[in-house]
Amino acid sequence: MKTMSVGEFKANFSEVLKRVLAGEEIGILYGKKKEIVARLVPKSTGKKPRRKLGILEAKGKIKFATDFKISEEEFLGL
């Protein structure tokens, strides 16, 4: 990852965007300590795979005890 100061980033903004579009990551340095405060990374071109629903179907069971009964009033909190 290439790093550059805020001033350098501002002066070369178009060039920076071209480099990011080419796939390079760029860190932005700020302050007296020149710490990285931001990173520019290319936008992912690939689509995320769709989540498969029901992957745990038939892997577990739910069973309610016979004494687990509730009236409508109890359910509604009346």
PDB file of N, CA and C in Angstrom:
ATOM      1  N   MET A   1       0.849  -1.167   0.000  1.00  0.00           N
ATOM      2  CA  MET A   1       0.000   0.000   0.000  1.00  0.00           C
ATOM      3  C   MET A   1       0.899   1.235   0.000  1.00  0.00           C
ATOM      4  N   LYS A   2       0.651   2.127  -0.931  1.00  0.00           N
ATOM      5  CA  LYS A   2       1.376   3.384  -0.987  1.00  0.00           C
ATOM      6  C   LYS A   2       0.708   4.363  -0.027  1.00  0.00           C
ATOM      7  N   THR A   3       1.501   5.221   0.604  1.00  0.00           N
ATOM      8  CA  THR A   3       0.956   6.233   1.505  1.00  0.00           C
ATOM      9  C   THR A   3       1.327   7.614   0.990  1.00  0.00           C
ATOM     10  N   MET A   4       0.495   8.595   1.322  1.00  0.00           N
ATOM     11  CA  MET A   4       0.777   9.980   0.951  1.00  0.00           C
ATOM     12  C   MET A   4       0.114  10.915   1.943  1.00  0.00           C
ATOM     13  N   SER A   5       0.700  12.100   2.081  1.00  0.00           N
ATOM     14  CA  SER A   5       0.164  13.092   3.006  1.00  0.00           C
ATOM     15  C   SER A   5      -1.102  13.711   2.414  1.00  0.00           C
ATOM     16  N   VAL A   6      -1.829  14.439   3.250  1.00  0.00           N
ATOM     17  CA  VAL A   6      -3.060  15.072   2.803  1.00  0.00           C
ATOM     18  C   VAL A   6      -2.770  16.082   1.692  1.00  0.00           C
ATOM     19  N   GLY A   7      -1.708  16.873   1.856  1.00  0.00           N
ATOM     20  CA  GLY A   7      -1.350  17.858   0.835  1.00  0.00           C
ATOM     21  C   GLY A   7      -1.020  17.216  -0.498  1.00  0.00           C
ATOM     22  N   GLU A   8      -0.251  16.142  -0.451  1.00  0.00           N
ATOM     23  CA  GLU A   8       0.102  15.407  -1.669  1.00  0.00           C
ATOM     24  C   GLU A   8      -1.142  14.796  -2.302  1.00  0.00           C
ATOM     25  N   PHE A   9      -2.032  14.292  -1.451  1.00  0.00           N
ATOM     26  CA  PHE A   9      -3.283  13.709  -1.931  1.00  0.00           C
ATOM     27  C   PHE A   9      -4.131  14.761  -2.634  1.00  0.00           C
ATOM     28  N   LYS A  10      -4.261  15.931  -2.026  1.00  0.00           N
ATOM     29  CA  LYS A  10      -5.067  17.006  -2.623  1.00  0.00           C
ATOM     30  C   LYS A  10      -4.473  17.472  -3.942  1.00  0.00           C
ATOM     31  N   ALA A  11      -3.149  17.578  -4.011  1.00  0.00           N
ATOM     32  CA  ALA A  11      -2.488  18.070  -5.216  1.00  0.00           C
ATOM     33  C   ALA A  11      -2.587  17.076  -6.371  1.00  0.00           C
ATOM     34  N   ASN A  12      -2.674  15.792  -6.070  1.00  0.00           N
ATOM     35  CA  ASN A  12      -2.672  14.757  -7.108  1.00  0.00           C
ATOM     36  C   ASN A  12      -3.935  13.915  -7.100  1.00  0.00           C
ATOM     37  N   PHE A  13      -5.063  14.531  -6.809  1.00  0.00           N
ATOM     38  CA  PHE A  13      -6.300  13.782  -6.633  1.00  0.00           C
ATOM     39  C   PHE A  13      -6.664  12.931  -7.854  1.00  0.00           C
ATOM     40  N   SER A  14      -6.596  13.503  -9.038  1.00  0.00           N
ATOM     41  CA  SER A  14      -6.952  12.752 -10.247  1.00  0.00           C
ATOM     42  C   SER A  14      -6.034  11.553 -10.454  1.00  0.00           C
ATOM     43  N   GLU A  15      -4.748  11.755 -10.236  1.00  0.00           N
ATOM     44  CA  GLU A  15      -3.787  10.656 -10.369  1.00  0.00           C
ATOM     45  C   GLU A  15      -4.061   9.566  -9.348  1.00  0.00           C
ATOM     46  N   VAL A  16      -4.399   9.986  -8.132  1.00  0.00           N
ATOM     47  CA  VAL A  16      -4.702   9.025  -7.069  1.00  0.00           C
ATOM     48  C   VAL A  16      -5.897   8.170  -7.469  1.00  0.00           C
ATOM     49  N   LEU A  17      -6.942   8.808  -7.994  1.00  0.00           N
ATOM     50  CA  LEU A  17      -8.122   8.047  -8.419  1.00  0.00           C
ATOM     51  C   LEU A  17      -7.791   7.066  -9.537  1.00  0.00           C
ATOM     52  N   LYS A  18      -6.948   7.465 -10.453  1.00  0.00           N
ATOM     53  CA  LYS A  18      -6.545   6.556 -11.531  1.00  0.00           C
ATOM     54  C   LYS A  18      -5.811   5.336 -10.972  1.00  0.00           C
ATOM     55  N   ARG A  19      -4.956   5.572  -9.966  1.00  0.00           N
ATOM     56  CA  ARG A  19      -4.214   4.461  -9.370  1.00  0.00           C
ATOM     57  C   ARG A  19      -5.142   3.520  -8.609  1.00  0.00           C
ATOM     58  N   VAL A  20      -6.125   4.107  -7.923  1.00  0.00           N
ATOM     59  CA  VAL A  20      -7.092   3.279  -7.185  1.00  0.00           C
ATOM     60  C   VAL A  20      -7.917   2.460  -8.167  1.00  0.00           C
ATOM     61  N   LEU A  21      -8.331   3.080  -9.267  1.00  0.00           N
ATOM     62  CA  LEU A  21      -9.093   2.344 -10.279  1.00  0.00           C
ATOM     63  C   LEU A  21      -8.272   1.212 -10.879  1.00  0.00           C
ATOM     64  N   ALA A  22      -6.959   1.376 -10.896  1.00  0.00           N
ATOM     65  CA  ALA A  22      -6.071   0.335 -11.412  1.00  0.00           C
ATOM     66  C   ALA A  22      -5.865  -0.793 -10.405  1.00  0.00           C
ATOM     67  N   GLY A  23      -6.407  -0.632  -9.183  1.00  0.00           N
ATOM     68  CA  GLY A  23      -6.339  -1.717  -8.201  1.00  0.00           C
ATOM     69  C   GLY A  23      -5.412  -1.468  -7.035  1.00  0.00           C
ATOM     70  N   GLU A  24      -4.802  -0.301  -6.948  1.00  0.00           N
ATOM     71  CA  GLU A  24      -3.854  -0.014  -5.875  1.00  0.00           C
ATOM     72  C   GLU A  24      -4.570   0.556  -4.645  1.00  0.00           C
ATOM     73  N   GLU A  25      -4.099   0.201  -3.464  1.00  0.00           N
ATOM     74  CA  GLU A  25      -4.610   0.780  -2.223  1.00  0.00           C
ATOM     75  C   GLU A  25      -3.707   1.932  -1.832  1.00  0.00           C
ATOM     76  N   ILE A  26      -4.315   3.023  -1.329  1.00  0.00           N
ATOM     77  CA  ILE A  26      -3.545   4.198  -0.941  1.00  0.00           C
ATOM     78  C   ILE A  26      -3.956   4.622   0.454  1.00  0.00           C
ATOM     79  N   GLY A  27      -2.966   4.821   1.325  1.00  0.00           N
ATOM     80  CA  GLY A  27      -3.199   5.288   2.684  1.00  0.00           C
ATOM     81  C   GLY A  27      -2.965   6.785   2.761  1.00  0.00           C
ATOM     82  N   ILE A  28      -3.825   7.509   3.494  1.00  0.00           N
ATOM     83  CA  ILE A  28      -3.710   8.950   3.646  1.00  0.00           C
ATOM     84  C   ILE A  28      -3.130   9.245   5.030  1.00  0.00           C
ATOM     85  N   LEU A  29      -1.997   9.961   5.069  1.00  0.00           N
ATOM     86  CA  LEU A  29      -1.318  10.301   6.314  1.00  0.00           C
ATOM     87  C   LEU A  29      -1.760  11.686   6.775  1.00  0.00           C
ATOM     88  N   TYR A  30      -1.909  11.851   8.112  1.00  0.00           N
ATOM     89  CA  TYR A  30      -2.365  13.129   8.645  1.00  0.00           C
ATOM     90  C   TYR A  30      -1.731  13.392   9.999  1.00  0.00           C
ATOM     91  N   GLY A  31      -1.502  14.647  10.305  1.00  0.00           N
ATOM     92  CA  GLY A  31      -0.996  15.045  11.610  1.00  0.00           C
ATOM     93  C   GLY A  31       0.518  15.040  11.685  1.00  0.00           C
ATOM     94  N   LYS A  32       1.006  15.479  12.851  1.00  0.00           N
ATOM     95  CA  LYS A  32       2.454  15.547  13.060  1.00  0.00           C
ATOM     96  C   LYS A  32       3.098  14.173  13.072  1.00  0.00           C
ATOM     97  N   LYS A  33       2.361  13.189  13.562  1.00  0.00           N
ATOM     98  CA  LYS A  33       2.897  11.827  13.631  1.00  0.00           C
ATOM     99  C   LYS A  33       2.790  11.094  12.299  1.00  0.00           C
ATOM    100  N   LYS A  34       2.105  11.700  11.346  1.00  0.00           N
ATOM    101  CA  LYS A  34       1.912  11.088  10.017  1.00  0.00           C
ATOM    102  C   LYS A  34       1.311   9.694  10.131  1.00  0.00           C
ATOM    103  N   GLU A  35       0.195   9.631  10.840  1.00  0.00           N
ATOM    104  CA  GLU A  35      -0.511   8.365  10.996  1.00  0.00           C
ATOM    105  C   GLU A  35      -1.509   8.191   9.856  1.00  0.00           C
ATOM    106  N   ILE A  36      -1.721   6.961   9.461  1.00  0.00           N
ATOM    107  CA  ILE A  36      -2.719   6.673   8.429  1.00  0.00           C
ATOM    108  C   ILE A  36      -4.108   6.841   9.046  1.00  0.00           C
ATOM    109  N   VAL A  37      -4.883   7.760   8.475  1.00  0.00           N
ATOM    110  CA  VAL A  37      -6.233   8.019   8.991  1.00  0.00           C
ATOM    111  C   VAL A  37      -7.312   7.527   8.035  1.00  0.00           C
ATOM    112  N   ALA A  38      -6.928   7.210   6.802  1.00  0.00           N
ATOM    113  CA  ALA A  38      -7.906   6.723   5.827  1.00  0.00           C
ATOM    114  C   ALA A  38      -7.191   5.866   4.792  1.00  0.00           C
ATOM    115  N   ARG A  39      -7.970   5.001   4.174  1.00  0.00           N
ATOM    116  CA  ARG A  39      -7.459   4.176   3.085  1.00  0.00           C
ATOM    117  C   ARG A  39      -8.409   4.263   1.910  1.00  0.00           C
ATOM    118  N   LEU A  40      -7.873   4.405   0.737  1.00  0.00           N
ATOM    119  CA  LEU A  40      -8.676   4.336  -0.483  1.00  0.00           C
ATOM    120  C   LEU A  40      -8.428   2.972  -1.103  1.00  0.00           C
ATOM    121  N   VAL A  41      -9.493   2.241  -1.306  1.00  0.00           N
ATOM    122  CA  VAL A  41      -9.383   0.904  -1.890  1.00  0.00           C
ATOM    123  C   VAL A  41     -10.320   0.824  -3.081  1.00  0.00           C
ATOM    124  N   PRO A  42      -9.980   0.028  -4.065  1.00  0.00           N
ATOM    125  CA  PRO A  42     -10.864  -0.100  -5.228  1.00  0.00           C
ATOM    126  C   PRO A  42     -12.184  -0.756  -4.849  1.00  0.00           C
ATOM    127  N   LYS A  43     -13.223  -0.314  -5.530  1.00  0.00           N
ATOM    128  CA  LYS A  43     -14.535  -0.915  -5.331  1.00  0.00           C
ATOM    129  C   LYS A  43     -14.502  -2.332  -5.891  1.00  0.00           C
ATOM    130  N   SER A  44     -15.077  -3.248  -5.149  1.00  0.00           N
ATOM    131  CA  SER A  44     -15.090  -4.640  -5.580  1.00  0.00           C
ATOM    132  C   SER A  44     -15.903  -4.769  -6.855  1.00  0.00           C
ATOM    133  N   THR A  45     -15.336  -5.427  -7.840  1.00  0.00           N
ATOM    134  CA  THR A  45     -16.045  -5.598  -9.098  1.00  0.00           C
ATOM    135  C   THR A  45     -16.918  -6.844  -9.094  1.00  0.00           C
ATOM    136  N   GLY A  46     -16.582  -7.801  -8.249  1.00  0.00           N
ATOM    137  CA  GLY A  46     -17.361  -9.031  -8.196  1.00  0.00           C
ATOM    138  C   GLY A  46     -18.605  -8.870  -7.335  1.00  0.00           C
ATOM    139  N   LYS A  47     -19.645  -9.555  -7.710  1.00  0.00           N
ATOM    140  CA  LYS A  47     -20.867  -9.526  -6.917  1.00  0.00           C
ATOM    141  C   LYS A  47     -20.758 -10.535  -5.786  1.00  0.00           C
ATOM    142  N   LYS A  48     -21.369 -10.199  -4.662  1.00  0.00           N
ATOM    143  CA  LYS A  48     -21.392 -11.132  -3.553  1.00  0.00           C
ATOM    144  C   LYS A  48     -22.297 -12.304  -3.909  1.00  0.00           C
ATOM    145  N   PRO A  49     -21.910 -13.500  -3.519  1.00  0.00           N
ATOM    146  CA  PRO A  49     -22.781 -14.640  -3.809  1.00  0.00           C
ATOM    147  C   PRO A  49     -24.063 -14.542  -2.987  1.00  0.00           C
ATOM    148  N   ARG A  50     -25.138 -14.985  -3.569  1.00  0.00           N
ATOM    149  CA  ARG A  50     -26.412 -14.961  -2.862  1.00  0.00           C
ATOM    150  C   ARG A  50     -26.389 -15.976  -1.740  1.00  0.00           C
ATOM    151  N   ARG A  51     -27.017 -15.610  -0.634  1.00  0.00           N
ATOM    152  CA  ARG A  51     -27.081 -16.517   0.505  1.00  0.00           C
ATOM    153  C   ARG A  51     -28.087 -17.611   0.218  1.00  0.00           C
ATOM    154  N   LYS A  52     -27.696 -18.819   0.529  1.00  0.00           N
ATOM    155  CA  LYS A  52     -28.584 -19.951   0.343  1.00  0.00           C
ATOM    156  C   LYS A  52     -29.474 -20.066   1.576  1.00  0.00           C
ATOM    157  N   LEU A  53     -30.762 -20.034   1.353  1.00  0.00           N
ATOM    158  CA  LEU A  53     -31.709 -20.149   2.454  1.00  0.00           C
ATOM    159  C   LEU A  53     -31.972 -21.614   2.759  1.00  0.00           C
ATOM    160  N   GLY A  54     -32.154 -21.896   4.009  1.00  0.00           N
ATOM    161  CA  GLY A  54     -32.501 -23.246   4.414  1.00  0.00           C
ATOM    162  C   GLY A  54     -31.339 -24.206   4.501  1.00  0.00           C
ATOM    163  N   ILE A  55     -30.130 -23.690   4.707  1.00  0.00           N
ATOM    164  CA  ILE A  55     -28.977 -24.601   4.744  1.00  0.00           C
ATOM    165  C   ILE A  55     -28.981 -25.470   6.002  1.00  0.00           C
ATOM    166  N   LEU A  56     -29.718 -25.064   7.024  1.00  0.00           N
ATOM    167  CA  LEU A  56     -29.775 -25.868   8.247  1.00  0.00           C
ATOM    168  C   LEU A  56     -31.070 -26.670   8.345  1.00  0.00           C
ATOM    169  N   GLU A  57     -31.818 -26.714   7.271  1.00  0.00           N
ATOM    170  CA  GLU A  57     -33.072 -27.462   7.286  1.00  0.00           C
ATOM    171  C   GLU A  57     -32.801 -28.934   7.599  1.00  0.00           C
ATOM    172  N   ALA A  58     -33.585 -29.487   8.481  1.00  0.00           N
ATOM    173  CA  ALA A  58     -33.493 -30.884   8.909  1.00  0.00           C
ATOM    174  C   ALA A  58     -32.226 -31.161   9.710  1.00  0.00           C
ATOM    175  N   LYS A  59     -31.556 -30.139  10.201  1.00  0.00           N
ATOM    176  CA  LYS A  59     -30.355 -30.335  11.013  1.00  0.00           C
ATOM    177  C   LYS A  59     -30.681 -30.306  12.504  1.00  0.00           C
ATOM    178  N   GLY A  60     -31.836 -29.794  12.855  1.00  0.00           N
ATOM    179  CA  GLY A  60     -32.204 -29.709  14.256  1.00  0.00           C
ATOM    180  C   GLY A  60     -33.714 -29.838  14.407  1.00  0.00           C
ATOM    181  N   LYS A  61     -34.149 -29.979  15.642  1.00  0.00           N
ATOM    182  CA  LYS A  61     -35.573 -30.147  15.914  1.00  0.00           C
ATOM    183  C   LYS A  61     -35.978 -29.187  17.019  1.00  0.00           C
ATOM    184  N   ILE A  62     -37.232 -28.766  16.963  1.00  0.00           N
ATOM    185  CA  ILE A  62     -37.809 -27.939  18.022  1.00  0.00           C
ATOM    186  C   ILE A  62     -38.993 -28.697  18.581  1.00  0.00           C
ATOM    187  N   LYS A  63     -38.987 -28.819  19.887  1.00  0.00           N
ATOM    188  CA  LYS A  63     -40.092 -29.508  20.528  1.00  0.00           C
ATOM    189  C   LYS A  63     -40.514 -28.685  21.734  1.00  0.00           C
ATOM    190  N   PHE A  64     -41.793 -28.354  21.808  1.00  0.00           N
ATOM    191  CA  PHE A  64     -42.327 -27.602  22.932  1.00  0.00           C
ATOM    192  C   PHE A  64     -42.901 -28.577  23.948  1.00  0.00           C
ATOM    193  N   ALA A  65     -42.609 -28.311  25.187  1.00  0.00           N
ATOM    194  CA  ALA A  65     -43.121 -29.167  26.256  1.00  0.00           C
ATOM    195  C   ALA A  65     -44.643 -29.030  26.338  1.00  0.00           C
ATOM    196  N   THR A  66     -45.294 -30.068  26.849  1.00  0.00           N
ATOM    197  CA  THR A  66     -46.759 -30.043  26.935  1.00  0.00           C
ATOM    198  C   THR A  66     -47.254 -29.005  27.923  1.00  0.00           C
ATOM    199  N   ASP A  67     -46.418 -28.630  28.909  1.00  0.00           N
ATOM    200  CA  ASP A  67     -46.852 -27.624  29.881  1.00  0.00           C
ATOM    201  C   ASP A  67     -46.546 -26.196  29.410  1.00  0.00           C
ATOM    202  N   PHE A  68     -46.079 -26.054  28.206  1.00  0.00           N
ATOM    203  CA  PHE A  68     -45.792 -24.729  27.665  1.00  0.00           C
ATOM    204  C   PHE A  68     -47.036 -24.224  26.938  1.00  0.00           C
ATOM    205  N   LYS A  69     -47.943 -23.713  27.709  1.00  0.00           N
ATOM    206  CA  LYS A  69     -49.162 -23.163  27.145  1.00  0.00           C
ATOM    207  C   LYS A  69     -49.348 -21.773  27.703  1.00  0.00           C
ATOM    208  N   ILE A  70     -49.858 -20.894  26.903  1.00  0.00           N
ATOM    209  CA  ILE A  70     -50.049 -19.514  27.302  1.00  0.00           C
ATOM    210  C   ILE A  70     -51.378 -19.036  26.730  1.00  0.00           C
ATOM    211  N   SER A  71     -52.095 -18.293  27.515  1.00  0.00           N
ATOM    212  CA  SER A  71     -53.391 -17.771  27.038  1.00  0.00           C
ATOM    213  C   SER A  71     -53.130 -16.494  26.243  1.00  0.00           C
ATOM    214  N   GLU A  72     -54.163 -16.079  25.538  1.00  0.00           N
ATOM    215  CA  GLU A  72     -54.025 -14.844  24.746  1.00  0.00           C
ATOM    216  C   GLU A  72     -53.784 -13.640  25.645  1.00  0.00           C
ATOM    217  N   GLU A  73     -54.410 -13.609  26.816  1.00  0.00           N
ATOM    218  CA  GLU A  73     -54.228 -12.502  27.749  1.00  0.00           C
ATOM    219  C   GLU A  73     -52.781 -12.436  28.250  1.00  0.00           C
ATOM    220  N   GLU A  74     -52.207 -13.603  28.566  1.00  0.00           N
ATOM    221  CA  GLU A  74     -50.816 -13.639  29.008  1.00  0.00           C
ATOM    222  C   GLU A  74     -49.880 -13.207  27.890  1.00  0.00           C
ATOM    223  N   PHE A  75     -50.196 -13.637  26.682  1.00  0.00           N
ATOM    224  CA  PHE A  75     -49.382 -13.280  25.525  1.00  0.00           C
ATOM    225  C   PHE A  75     -49.383 -11.783  25.269  1.00  0.00           C
ATOM    226  N   LEU A  76     -50.559 -11.179  25.413  1.00  0.00           N
ATOM    227  CA  LEU A  76     -50.690  -9.751  25.163  1.00  0.00           C
ATOM    228  C   LEU A  76     -50.306  -8.901  26.378  1.00  0.00           C
ATOM    229  N   GLY A  77     -50.057  -9.546  27.499  1.00  0.00           N
ATOM    230  CA  GLY A  77     -49.639  -8.834  28.685  1.00  0.00           C
ATOM    231  C   GLY A  77     -50.785  -8.136  29.403  1.00  0.00           C
ATOM    232  N   LEU A  78     -52.006  -8.658  29.259  1.00  0.00           N
ATOM    233  CA  LEU A  78     -53.176  -8.025  29.908  1.00  0.00           C
ATOM    234  C   LEU A  78     -53.384  -8.556  31.286  1.00  0.00           C
TER     235      LEU A  78
END
